[in-house]
Structure formats: structure tokens, C-alpha cells
Protein backbone atom coordinates (compact mmCIF):
# COMPACT_ATOMS: atom_id res chain seq x y z
CA MET A 1 0.04 -0.03 0.14
CA ILE A 2 0.92 3.61 -0.79
CA SER A 3 1.63 5.89 2.25
CA ARG A 4 -0.28 9.22 1.87
CA LYS A 5 -0.01 12.47 3.43
CA GLN A 6 -3.20 13.66 5.21
CA ARG A 7 -4.50 17.01 3.01
CA VAL A 8 -7.44 17.63 4.99
CA PRO A 9 -7.51 18.41 8.64
CA PHE A 10 -9.89 16.74 10.85
CA ALA A 11 -12.94 19.01 11.49
CA ASP A 12 -13.70 21.31 14.55
CA THR A 13 -16.64 19.50 16.05
CA SER A 14 -17.53 22.10 18.29
CA LYS A 15 -18.39 24.40 15.32
CA LEU A 16 -21.13 21.83 14.08
CA PRO A 17 -24.53 22.84 14.14
CA ALA A 18 -26.54 21.65 17.04
CA ASP A 19 -28.60 19.02 15.13
CA PHE A 20 -25.68 17.30 13.92
CA ASP A 21 -25.61 13.80 15.26
CA LEU A 22 -21.92 13.38 15.96
CA GLU A 23 -22.22 10.04 18.10
CA ARG A 24 -23.40 8.08 14.56
CA TYR A 25 -19.81 8.82 13.56
CA LYS A 26 -17.99 7.39 16.72
CA VAL A 27 -16.52 3.95 17.49
CA ASN A 28 -15.68 3.46 21.11
CA GLY A 29 -16.42 7.22 21.97
CA LYS A 30 -13.93 8.51 18.97
CA VAL A 31 -15.09 9.97 15.75
CA VAL A 32 -13.66 7.34 13.09
CA ASN A 33 -11.12 9.08 11.14
CA ILE A 34 -12.85 9.06 7.98
CA PHE A 35 -15.87 10.96 9.34
CA GLY A 36 -13.62 13.20 11.20
CA VAL A 37 -12.19 14.30 7.80
CA LEU A 38 -15.63 14.47 6.02
CA ILE A 39 -17.47 16.41 8.70
CA ASN A 40 -15.45 19.39 7.00
CA HIS A 41 -18.40 19.25 4.69
CA PRO A 42 -21.73 18.16 6.37
CA LYS A 43 -23.95 18.15 3.20
CA LEU A 44 -21.77 16.42 1.59
CA LEU A 45 -21.17 13.97 4.32
CA ARG A 46 -25.00 13.31 4.94
CA ALA A 47 -25.88 12.87 1.16
CA TRP A 48 -22.96 10.42 0.43
CA GLY A 49 -24.16 8.67 3.66
CA ARG A 50 -27.38 7.27 2.54
CA PHE A 51 -25.92 5.79 -0.21
CA GLY A 52 -22.86 4.32 1.51
CA ALA A 53 -25.49 3.12 4.19
CA TYR A 54 -27.47 1.42 1.53
CA ILE A 55 -24.38 -0.54 0.23
CA LEU A 56 -23.37 -1.78 3.50
CA SER A 57 -26.92 -2.61 4.85
CA ASN A 58 -28.87 -5.96 4.77
CA GLU A 59 -31.19 -4.24 2.56
CA GLN A 60 -28.67 -4.65 -0.39
CA THR A 61 -28.88 -7.76 -2.52
CA LEU A 62 -25.57 -9.27 -2.16
CA SER A 63 -24.35 -11.38 0.49
CA ALA A 64 -21.75 -9.62 3.34
CA ARG A 65 -19.15 -12.03 2.20
CA GLU A 66 -19.65 -11.11 -1.62
CA ARG A 67 -19.80 -7.76 -0.81
CA GLU A 68 -16.63 -7.71 1.23
CA ILE A 69 -14.91 -9.57 -1.66
CA ALA A 70 -15.73 -6.82 -4.21
CA ILE A 71 -15.00 -4.05 -1.69
CA LEU A 72 -11.52 -5.41 -0.65
CA ARG A 73 -10.48 -6.28 -4.05
CA ILE A 74 -11.32 -2.47 -5.48
CA GLY A 75 -9.66 -0.98 -2.61
CA TRP A 76 -6.57 -3.04 -3.04
CA LEU A 77 -6.68 -2.37 -6.80
CA ASN A 78 -6.66 1.44 -5.77
CA GLN A 79 -4.07 0.79 -3.02
CA ALA A 80 -6.30 2.54 -0.47
CA GLN A 81 -4.89 1.62 2.66
CA TYR A 82 -7.61 2.93 4.75
CA GLU A 83 -10.24 1.29 2.85
CA TRP A 84 -8.36 -1.77 2.77
CA GLU A 85 -7.73 -1.92 6.97
CA GLN A 86 -11.36 -1.24 7.49
CA HIS A 87 -12.51 -3.75 5.38
CA VAL A 88 -10.08 -6.45 6.45
CA ARG A 89 -11.84 -6.03 9.61
CA ILE A 90 -15.59 -5.86 8.01
CA GLY A 91 -14.80 -9.08 5.85
CA LYS A 92 -13.77 -11.20 8.86
CA THR A 93 -17.10 -10.36 10.24
CA SER A 94 -18.34 -11.36 7.29
CA GLY A 95 -16.85 -15.07 6.95
CA LEU A 96 -13.64 -14.08 5.14
CA SER A 97 -10.60 -15.97 6.24
CA ASP A 98 -6.91 -14.56 6.69
CA GLU A 99 -6.42 -16.78 3.69
CA ASP A 100 -9.25 -15.56 1.56
CA ILE A 101 -7.83 -11.87 2.27
CA ASP A 102 -4.53 -12.68 0.84
CA ARG A 103 -5.95 -14.37 -1.91
CA ILE A 104 -7.93 -11.13 -2.67
CA THR A 105 -4.53 -9.35 -3.12
CA LYS A 106 -3.60 -11.98 -5.74
CA GLY A 107 -6.62 -11.49 -7.98
CA PRO A 108 -9.37 -13.80 -9.49
CA LYS A 109 -6.88 -16.54 -10.66
CA ALA A 110 -5.57 -17.36 -7.11
CA GLY A 111 -8.00 -20.68 -6.30
CA TRP A 112 -11.47 -19.17 -5.94
CA SER A 113 -14.65 -20.71 -6.94
CA ARG A 114 -15.79 -19.57 -10.53
CA HIS A 115 -18.51 -17.29 -9.05
CA GLU A 116 -16.34 -15.53 -6.42
CA ALA A 117 -13.43 -15.33 -9.07
CA ALA A 118 -16.22 -13.37 -11.37
CA LEU A 119 -16.45 -10.99 -8.29
CA LEU A 120 -13.07 -10.30 -8.23
CA GLN A 121 -12.94 -9.93 -12.15
CA ALA A 122 -15.85 -7.71 -12.00
CA ALA A 123 -13.77 -5.28 -9.91
CA ASP A 124 -10.83 -5.71 -12.08
CA ASP A 125 -12.94 -5.36 -15.08
CA LEU A 126 -14.25 -1.84 -13.73
CA PHE A 127 -10.92 -0.82 -12.64
CA GLU A 128 -9.27 -1.49 -15.97
CA ASN A 129 -12.07 -0.58 -18.43
CA SER A 130 -15.00 1.18 -16.54
CA VAL A 131 -17.27 -1.58 -17.58
CA VAL A 132 -17.86 -5.41 -16.61
CA SER A 133 -16.60 -7.77 -19.35
CA ASP A 134 -19.48 -9.53 -21.36
CA GLU A 135 -17.75 -12.96 -20.18
CA THR A 136 -17.35 -11.72 -16.18
CA TRP A 137 -21.17 -10.46 -16.71
CA LYS A 138 -22.41 -13.97 -18.10
CA THR A 139 -20.36 -15.91 -15.31
CA LEU A 140 -21.97 -13.71 -12.45
CA SER A 141 -25.68 -13.83 -14.26
CA GLU A 142 -25.73 -17.84 -13.82
CA ARG A 143 -26.30 -16.96 -10.28
CA TYR A 144 -27.22 -13.18 -9.87
CA ASN A 145 -30.31 -11.38 -10.85
CA THR A 146 -30.54 -7.98 -12.33
CA GLN A 147 -30.69 -6.55 -8.92
CA GLN A 148 -27.84 -8.30 -7.53
CA MET A 149 -25.83 -7.23 -10.76
CA MET A 150 -27.11 -3.78 -10.02
CA ASP A 151 -25.87 -4.05 -6.80
CA LEU A 152 -22.31 -5.38 -7.66
CA VAL A 153 -21.69 -2.72 -9.92
CA PHE A 154 -22.75 -0.09 -7.57
CA THR A 155 -20.68 -1.64 -4.65
CA ILE A 156 -17.72 -1.35 -6.63
CA GLY A 157 -18.43 1.82 -7.83
CA GLN A 158 -19.09 3.21 -4.40
CA TYR A 159 -15.89 2.04 -3.01
CA ASN A 160 -13.64 2.98 -5.79
CA LEU A 161 -15.10 6.46 -5.19
CA VAL A 162 -14.34 5.96 -1.48
CA SER A 163 -10.78 4.67 -2.43
CA TRP A 164 -10.00 7.81 -4.53
CA ALA A 165 -11.31 10.13 -1.48
CA LEU A 166 -9.44 8.35 1.10
CA ASN A 167 -6.30 8.43 -0.85
CA SER A 168 -6.99 12.08 -2.39
CA LEU A 169 -7.94 13.58 1.14
CA GLY A 170 -5.06 11.69 3.10
CA VAL A 171 -7.17 10.07 5.51
CA PRO A 172 -4.73 8.55 8.11
CA LEU A 173 -5.53 5.15 9.62
CA ASP A 174 -7.49 5.19 12.95
CA GLU A 175 -5.30 4.13 15.73
CA TYR A 176 -7.06 0.46 16.15
CA LEU A 177 -6.05 -0.27 12.49
CA PRO A 178 -3.11 -2.39 11.88
CA GLY A 179 -0.15 -0.09 10.23
CA ALA A 180 -1.27 2.96 12.17
CA LYS A 181 1.06 5.29 13.65
CA LYS A 182 1.01 4.84 17.28
């Protein structure tokens, strides 16, 4: 992963409007770093947050494991350390093993089932060509309905965007993440 310098400081939360619910952005009583930076732009945070919440919710049609495979792959391709570290934690609670996480870095040809290889390939296709290839689409469509295909593309797109933002803004790792400066 590429180390990046913090470009956008943490927001001064004492200047937030009274109706701003800061508690929803905390873990263990501390504002999570991505939100500490994004709170600099509350309107953007709220708008983006609605979409991001859908992607991470049980309302979307992908299983948590499949969602995390796609998120981790696009995070890895973007060399987004913050995204990677956060979603390794989430992935482990969603059924991914340490071996799975290591294989995500190696790509679709690293011993996956046909379907899971296609999930990784969809992220690779979108990263490299901005479109899921016909072959990848066909393989995924053997198991996925239209809504699942749409959720997959939007999940990868969401975390491509998040990776770009994290990398460009230079959001530092939270202290509880591996690799954080102590």
C-alpha cells in the first residue's frame, strides 16, 4: 500500500450545528477518521452517507461475504490503505478468512470458486476498463438476478469513489487499525 500525507485536517466538531448527530460517527467514543475529515463538509457527508449506508446494509442484495470480496478487491487495486484496513476487519466478521483476504490481493486466478473469481474479475474489469466484461457478466448472471448485478456494480463503484477520496484527502488510519502510527 502507498502511504499518503493527510491533506484535509480533522474538522473542528465544536463548530457543528446543534442538530448534527456526531455520535453516529463514533466508535468507542471517538470519531472515526474518515468521518472526522468528511465532517468538514456536512452536506456532502449526509448525502454520501445515505448511499453508503445502503451499500453496507442488509437491504442490498449481495451477501456480506460477496460484498466484502468486491470492496476489498477494489480497495486493493486502488492501493487505498484506509479502505483496505477497515474492510479487512469487516470482511472477517462477514466470513472471510485470512487466507481469503490474502488471495484477494492475488486476484481472480488465486484458487477461487468460479463465482467468487468472477466477483474479483468484475472489480478488475471496472478498474481497468470502466465496464464489466461480457464474459464476467455472463458468469455472474448464472447466479445473480438483475438487482444483484446492479448492486455489485454500484458497490464496486461506491468503494472506488471512497478509495479515491481517502487517498486524495489523505485520511490517516484510525489508531485501532494495523499499520496505524502509534
